[in-house]
Protein backbone atom coordinates (compact mmCIF):
# COMPACT_ATOMS: atom_id res chain seq x y z
CA MET A 1 0.22 0.20 0.04
CA SER A 2 1.45 3.54 -1.02
CA ASP A 3 -0.47 6.14 1.09
CA GLN A 4 1.43 9.37 1.54
CA ASN A 5 -0.89 10.32 4.03
CA LEU A 6 -0.69 7.29 6.10
CA MET A 7 1.95 7.17 9.18
CA LEU A 8 2.09 4.30 11.89
CA PHE A 9 3.85 4.57 15.18
CA ALA A 10 4.70 2.05 17.61
CA LEU A 11 4.47 2.81 21.24
CA ASN A 12 6.68 0.46 24.00
CA SER A 13 3.48 -2.30 25.01
CA ASN A 14 4.25 -4.62 21.62
CA VAL A 15 6.85 -3.38 19.32
CA PRO A 16 7.18 -6.88 17.45
CA LEU A 17 3.43 -6.70 16.99
CA ALA A 18 3.40 -3.22 15.44
CA GLN A 19 6.28 -4.42 12.83
CA LYS A 20 3.97 -7.35 11.48
CA ILE A 21 0.99 -4.59 11.28
CA ALA A 22 3.40 -2.15 9.35
CA ASP A 23 4.68 -5.09 7.24
CA ARG A 24 1.10 -5.93 6.20
CA VAL A 25 -0.12 -2.31 5.52
CA GLY A 26 3.15 -1.77 3.41
CA VAL A 27 4.23 1.23 5.38
CA PRO A 28 7.31 1.53 7.50
CA LEU A 29 6.87 2.26 11.05
CA SER A 30 7.63 6.19 11.67
CA PRO A 31 10.59 6.79 14.04
CA SER A 32 9.47 7.98 17.57
CA SER A 33 11.11 7.51 21.08
CA VAL A 34 9.45 6.72 24.48
CA GLN A 35 11.67 8.02 27.41
CA ARG A 36 11.38 8.62 30.95
CA PHE A 37 12.57 11.50 33.19
CA SER A 38 14.38 10.63 36.34
CA ASP A 39 11.04 10.67 38.46
CA GLY A 40 9.26 8.57 36.35
CA GLU A 41 7.47 10.74 34.02
CA ILE A 42 6.90 10.09 30.38
CA GLN A 43 8.67 12.07 27.66
CA ILE A 44 7.90 11.50 23.68
CA ASN A 45 9.61 12.38 20.92
CA ILE A 46 8.37 12.66 17.17
CA ASP A 47 11.10 12.53 14.87
CA ARG A 48 9.13 13.39 11.63
CA SER A 49 6.39 15.84 10.75
CA VAL A 50 2.62 14.58 11.05
CA ARG A 51 1.12 17.72 9.79
CA GLY A 52 -1.95 16.66 7.82
CA LYS A 53 -1.22 13.11 8.26
CA ASP A 54 -3.58 10.25 9.05
CA VAL A 55 -1.72 8.78 12.12
CA TYR A 56 -2.10 5.33 13.56
CA LEU A 57 -0.91 4.89 16.94
CA ILE A 58 -0.21 0.96 17.76
CA GLN A 59 -0.29 0.32 21.41
CA SER A 60 -2.09 -2.53 23.56
CA THR A 61 -2.83 -1.35 27.27
CA SER A 62 -1.48 -4.70 28.86
CA ALA A 63 0.98 -4.60 31.61
CA PRO A 64 2.21 -2.28 33.17
CA VAL A 65 -1.34 -1.14 32.13
CA ASN A 66 -1.39 2.46 33.79
CA ASP A 67 2.05 2.81 32.11
CA ASN A 68 1.24 1.93 28.66
CA LEU A 69 -2.20 3.91 28.86
CA MET A 70 -0.34 7.00 30.02
CA GLU A 71 2.11 6.49 26.81
CA LEU A 72 -0.94 6.30 24.57
CA LEU A 73 -2.78 9.43 26.17
CA ILE A 74 0.17 11.67 25.79
CA MET A 75 1.47 10.28 22.14
CA ILE A 76 -2.18 11.13 21.24
CA ASP A 77 -1.86 14.66 22.48
CA ALA A 78 1.50 15.29 20.68
CA VAL A 79 0.22 14.16 17.08
CA ARG A 80 -3.05 16.14 17.37
CA ARG A 81 -0.94 19.43 18.64
CA ALA A 82 1.17 18.56 16.03
CA SER A 83 -1.70 19.14 13.73
CA ALA A 84 -2.02 15.50 12.48
CA HIS A 85 -5.28 15.20 10.04
CA SER A 86 -6.78 12.06 12.10
CA VAL A 87 -5.57 10.20 15.01
CA ASN A 88 -6.41 6.60 14.88
CA VAL A 89 -5.89 4.40 17.89
CA VAL A 90 -4.94 1.04 17.22
CA MET A 91 -5.46 -0.91 20.46
CA PRO A 92 -5.02 -4.87 20.19
CA TYR A 93 -5.81 -5.08 23.70
CA TYR A 94 -7.99 -2.61 25.64
CA GLY A 95 -6.95 -2.65 29.47
CA TYR A 96 -9.68 -2.15 31.97
CA ALA A 97 -12.41 -3.41 29.73
CA ARG A 98 -13.59 -5.81 32.17
CA GLN A 99 -14.56 -3.04 34.50
CA ASP A 100 -17.79 -2.22 32.04
CA ARG A 101 -20.57 -2.05 34.33
CA LYS A 102 -21.38 -1.53 38.01
CA THR A 103 -21.89 -4.99 39.82
CA ARG A 104 -22.14 -3.43 43.47
CA ALA A 105 -22.31 0.09 44.81
CA ARG A 106 -19.97 2.46 44.37
CA GLU A 107 -18.08 0.66 41.88
CA PRO A 108 -16.36 2.70 39.15
CA ILE A 109 -17.12 1.61 35.39
CA THR A 110 -13.48 2.07 34.09
CA ALA A 111 -13.66 0.89 30.75
CA LYS A 112 -15.76 4.20 30.25
CA LEU A 113 -13.58 6.56 31.80
CA VAL A 114 -10.50 5.02 29.74
CA ALA A 115 -12.72 5.75 26.55
CA ASN A 116 -13.62 9.41 27.66
CA MET A 117 -9.61 9.84 28.10
CA LEU A 118 -8.92 8.62 24.83
CA GLU A 119 -11.48 11.08 23.40
CA CYS A 120 -10.17 13.86 25.62
CA ALA A 121 -6.75 13.58 24.44
CA GLY A 122 -7.84 13.70 20.74
CA ALA A 123 -8.48 10.18 19.30
CA ASP A 124 -10.66 9.96 16.32
CA ARG A 125 -10.95 6.50 16.08
CA VAL A 126 -10.20 3.20 17.79
CA LEU A 127 -9.41 -0.23 16.45
CA SER A 128 -9.46 -3.04 18.76
CA LEU A 129 -9.70 -6.79 19.21
CA ASP A 130 -12.40 -9.04 20.84
CA LEU A 131 -13.50 -6.49 23.30
CA HIS A 132 -14.53 -7.97 26.78
CA ALA A 133 -17.72 -6.59 26.60
CA ALA A 134 -19.40 -5.34 23.06
CA GLN A 135 -20.95 -2.51 24.95
CA ILE A 136 -17.64 -0.79 25.10
CA GLN A 137 -18.16 0.54 21.76
CA GLY A 138 -20.98 2.62 22.92
CA PHE A 139 -18.88 4.19 25.48
CA PHE A 140 -17.47 6.19 22.69
CA ASP A 141 -18.61 9.09 20.75
CA ILE A 142 -16.17 7.95 17.94
CA PRO A 143 -16.01 5.36 15.40
CA VAL A 144 -14.81 1.84 17.30
CA ASP A 145 -14.13 -1.01 14.88
CA ASN A 146 -13.71 -4.32 17.05
CA LEU A 147 -12.36 -7.01 15.27
CA MET A 148 -12.72 -10.84 15.97
CA GLY A 149 -10.06 -13.29 16.99
CA ALA A 150 -12.53 -16.12 16.03
CA PRO A 151 -11.38 -16.21 12.04
CA LEU A 152 -7.66 -16.59 12.90
CA LEU A 153 -8.61 -19.29 15.72
CA ALA A 154 -10.75 -21.19 13.24
CA ASP A 155 -8.01 -21.26 10.67
CA TYR A 156 -5.42 -22.83 12.86
CA PHE A 157 -7.93 -25.58 13.96
CA LEU A 158 -9.26 -26.55 10.50
CA SER A 159 -5.64 -26.34 9.05
CA HIS A 160 -4.67 -28.57 11.85
CA HIS A 161 -8.02 -31.13 11.25
CA LEU A 162 -9.09 -30.73 14.78
CA GLU A 163 -12.79 -30.10 14.06
CA LYS A 164 -13.44 -33.72 13.82
CA ASP A 165 -15.80 -34.94 16.49
CA ALA A 166 -15.14 -31.66 18.31
CA VAL A 167 -17.07 -29.59 20.17
CA VAL A 168 -16.67 -25.83 21.07
CA VAL A 169 -17.10 -24.86 24.70
CA SER A 170 -17.49 -21.45 26.23
CA PRO A 171 -16.14 -21.09 29.60
CA ASP A 172 -18.96 -19.04 30.86
CA HIS A 173 -22.56 -18.01 29.89
CA GLY A 174 -20.97 -14.46 28.66
CA GLY A 175 -19.15 -16.20 26.14
CA VAL A 176 -21.52 -18.16 24.15
CA THR A 177 -21.92 -15.58 21.27
CA ARG A 178 -17.92 -16.07 20.81
CA ALA A 179 -18.14 -19.66 21.22
CA ARG A 180 -21.26 -19.89 18.52
CA LYS A 181 -19.05 -17.83 15.96
CA LEU A 182 -16.07 -20.32 16.23
CA ALA A 183 -18.60 -23.24 15.92
CA GLU A 184 -19.96 -21.86 12.79
CA PHE A 185 -16.32 -22.01 11.15
CA LEU A 186 -15.71 -25.22 12.51
CA LYS A 187 -19.48 -26.69 11.90
CA THR A 188 -19.59 -28.28 15.34
CA PRO A 189 -22.13 -28.20 18.45
CA ILE A 190 -21.22 -26.01 21.31
CA ALA A 191 -21.28 -26.72 25.17
CA ILE A 192 -21.08 -24.06 28.16
CA VAL A 193 -19.40 -24.40 31.67
CA ASP A 194 -21.81 -23.12 34.20
CA LYS A 195 -19.74 -21.91 37.05
CA ARG A 196 -20.35 -19.69 40.27
CA ARG A 197 -17.22 -17.20 40.84
CA PRO A 198 -17.22 -16.40 44.78
CA ARG A 199 -15.01 -13.64 44.22
CA ALA A 200 -12.51 -11.79 41.86
CA ASN A 201 -10.18 -13.99 39.86
CA VAL A 202 -11.64 -17.07 41.68
CA ALA A 203 -13.76 -19.45 39.41
CA GLU A 204 -15.69 -22.45 40.79
CA VAL A 205 -17.11 -24.90 38.13
CA MET A 206 -20.49 -26.25 38.61
CA ASN A 207 -22.05 -28.16 35.57
CA ILE A 208 -21.27 -28.64 31.78
CA ILE A 209 -24.19 -27.65 29.65
CA GLY A 210 -23.86 -29.70 26.65
CA ASP A 211 -22.60 -33.00 25.30
CA VAL A 212 -18.83 -33.33 25.50
CA SER A 213 -18.57 -37.49 26.16
CA GLY A 214 -16.12 -38.80 23.61
CA LYS A 215 -15.23 -35.31 21.70
CA ARG A 216 -12.55 -33.32 21.51
CA ALA A 217 -13.46 -30.18 23.28
CA ILE A 218 -12.11 -26.79 22.25
CA ILE A 219 -12.73 -23.77 24.63
CA ILE A 220 -12.75 -20.23 23.32
CA ASP A 221 -12.54 -17.30 25.43
CA ASP A 222 -11.44 -13.76 24.99
CA MET A 223 -8.58 -13.42 27.34
CA ILE A 224 -6.62 -15.81 29.90
CA ASP A 225 -5.54 -13.39 32.74
CA THR A 226 -4.69 -15.99 35.89
CA ALA A 227 -6.01 -18.78 34.20
CA GLY A 228 -8.17 -20.07 36.90
CA THR A 229 -11.49 -20.23 34.78
CA ILE A 230 -9.95 -22.01 31.92
CA THR A 231 -8.20 -24.86 33.93
CA LEU A 232 -11.02 -25.68 35.93
CA ALA A 233 -13.09 -25.69 32.68
CA ALA A 234 -10.64 -28.02 31.27
CA GLN A 235 -10.77 -30.55 34.13
CA ALA A 236 -14.17 -30.53 34.49
CA LEU A 237 -14.50 -31.32 30.67
CA ILE A 238 -12.25 -34.41 31.15
CA ASP A 239 -14.18 -35.63 34.19
CA ALA A 240 -17.39 -35.20 31.90
CA GLY A 241 -15.86 -37.55 29.10
CA ALA A 242 -14.15 -35.19 26.63
CA VAL A 243 -11.17 -37.05 25.11
CA GLU A 244 -8.71 -34.42 24.86
CA VAL A 245 -9.03 -30.36 25.42
CA TYR A 246 -7.81 -27.40 23.33
CA ALA A 247 -7.80 -23.88 24.95
CA SER A 248 -7.99 -20.82 22.78
CA ALA A 249 -8.08 -17.24 23.47
CA THR A 250 -7.24 -13.85 21.85
CA HIS A 251 -5.49 -11.97 24.73
CA ALA A 252 -3.26 -13.88 26.66
CA VAL A 253 -2.68 -11.56 29.73
CA LEU A 254 -0.83 -14.28 31.89
CA SER A 255 -0.90 -12.82 35.03
CA GLY A 256 0.37 -14.19 38.31
CA PRO A 257 -0.15 -18.32 38.64
CA ALA A 258 -0.98 -18.32 35.04
CA VAL A 259 1.61 -20.49 33.74
CA LYS A 260 1.84 -22.72 35.96
CA ARG A 261 -1.66 -23.40 36.07
CA LEU A 262 -1.76 -23.90 32.24
CA ASN A 263 1.44 -25.87 32.39
CA ASP A 264 0.12 -28.45 34.98
CA SER A 265 -3.44 -28.40 33.37
CA ALA A 266 -5.51 -31.16 31.46
CA ILE A 267 -5.09 -28.64 28.37
CA LYS A 268 -3.37 -30.18 25.44
CA GLN A 269 -2.75 -27.14 23.49
CA LEU A 270 -3.14 -23.64 23.86
CA VAL A 271 -3.58 -21.47 20.80
CA LEU A 272 -3.21 -17.96 21.53
CA THR A 273 -2.66 -14.48 19.83
CA ASP A 274 0.41 -12.08 20.19
CA SER A 275 -2.25 -9.20 20.90
CA VAL A 276 -0.11 -9.13 24.33
CA ASN A 277 3.62 -9.38 23.91
CA GLN A 278 4.79 -12.55 25.67
CA PRO A 279 8.06 -12.61 27.25
CA ALA A 280 10.25 -15.85 26.78
CA GLU A 281 9.42 -17.12 30.59
CA LYS A 282 5.73 -17.02 29.69
CA LYS A 283 5.99 -19.25 26.74
CA LEU A 284 4.96 -22.88 27.07
CA ASP A 285 5.80 -25.79 24.78
CA LYS A 286 2.04 -26.44 24.61
CA MET A 287 1.52 -22.90 23.53
CA THR A 288 1.05 -21.82 19.91
CA LEU A 289 0.83 -18.03 19.15
CA LEU A 290 -0.74 -16.58 16.21
CA SER A 291 -0.17 -13.11 14.88
CA VAL A 292 -2.83 -10.80 14.49
CA GLY A 293 -0.81 -8.46 12.53
CA PRO A 294 -1.92 -9.12 9.09
CA LEU A 295 -5.69 -8.90 10.40
CA MET A 296 -5.03 -5.57 11.91
CA GLY A 297 -3.13 -4.70 8.87
CA ASP A 298 -5.91 -5.32 6.60
CA ALA A 299 -8.30 -3.38 8.71
CA ILE A 300 -6.29 -0.33 8.80
CA LYS A 301 -5.91 -0.64 4.88
CA ARG A 302 -9.68 -0.93 4.64
CA ILE A 303 -10.11 2.05 6.89
CA GLN A 304 -7.81 4.16 5.21
CA ALA A 305 -9.42 3.48 1.71
CA HIS A 306 -13.13 3.75 3.44
CA GLU A 307 -13.91 0.36 2.86
CA PRO A 308 -16.21 -1.54 5.18
CA VAL A 309 -14.26 -3.71 8.10
CA SER A 310 -17.05 -6.57 8.34
CA PRO A 311 -15.84 -8.60 5.59
CA LEU A 312 -12.61 -9.75 7.64
CA PHE A 313 -15.50 -11.19 10.34
CA ASP A 314 -16.89 -13.67 8.13
CA ARG A 315 -14.11 -15.60 6.57
CA ARG A 316 -10.98 -17.76 7.80
CA PHE A 317 -8.21 -15.69 8.01
CA GLN A 318 -4.63 -17.21 7.88
CA ALA A 319 -2.10 -15.70 10.65
CA ASN A 320 1.38 -15.99 10.79
CA GLU A 321 2.08 -18.94 13.22
CA GLN A 322 5.00 -18.41 15.88
CA ALA A 323 6.48 -20.97 17.74
């Protein structure tokens, strides 16, 4: 793609993914630097003029969430003040997305606060991937394109012929729509893990809704954080008669005891994306990473050409597979 008005910038959260996006778009990453003053304040330097350009800022707000979010806000302000024509935020992983509603008195809706901050800083558009809650799109008064990871995951399972005698499993009721989308690609039935969560980051599996006996169970979720939910679900599926369990998710947050839990679990293979950059110590032998770079790159090309993004939802999408 040769668009003289398009500029891509990578912030610090996931530079390898930003490079894959740039390769797909066919536009090099523009030079910039993010540094820290001695007291920890963030300093951003943009080394090329952005006047009149359509700027795309690539930043997942993963751990350290607050640092990465602040970097993004400052960068938005910088390019807006430098007279960019449009400021487009490419946020593969949207931090704070789980705080999307009030579940008890005096609780914040932090996902909405983040939306407000992005808009106030000067963002014109947000491009994200598998938002934890679809209603987050409505927290913005600017366009939000929410891509789906299911086409990438489906291509992996179909390419490895794992759809035969399989059942797609949602680890909770809230993920049924996501499970149904993957099941449509794989042409399989679905099942649901009914669970009760006594407190945050603690899940207790209660029951399996659907027939998994003698089948290959493929769990799909939007993210794996501490891995409590997905490892308990995997064991419950084995106990219910599943012959093997595969687990897939778009966002590999993998905090706290996640890596040990996954390594010790009944899960045969983990299929994840690179929306969150993974250090070497978090990569397991049973883990396969699929790159969302081509998907997000194609979305940027469509946005820039004023073409619909929705065709990317309904077909298998090949990803660059990593070890």
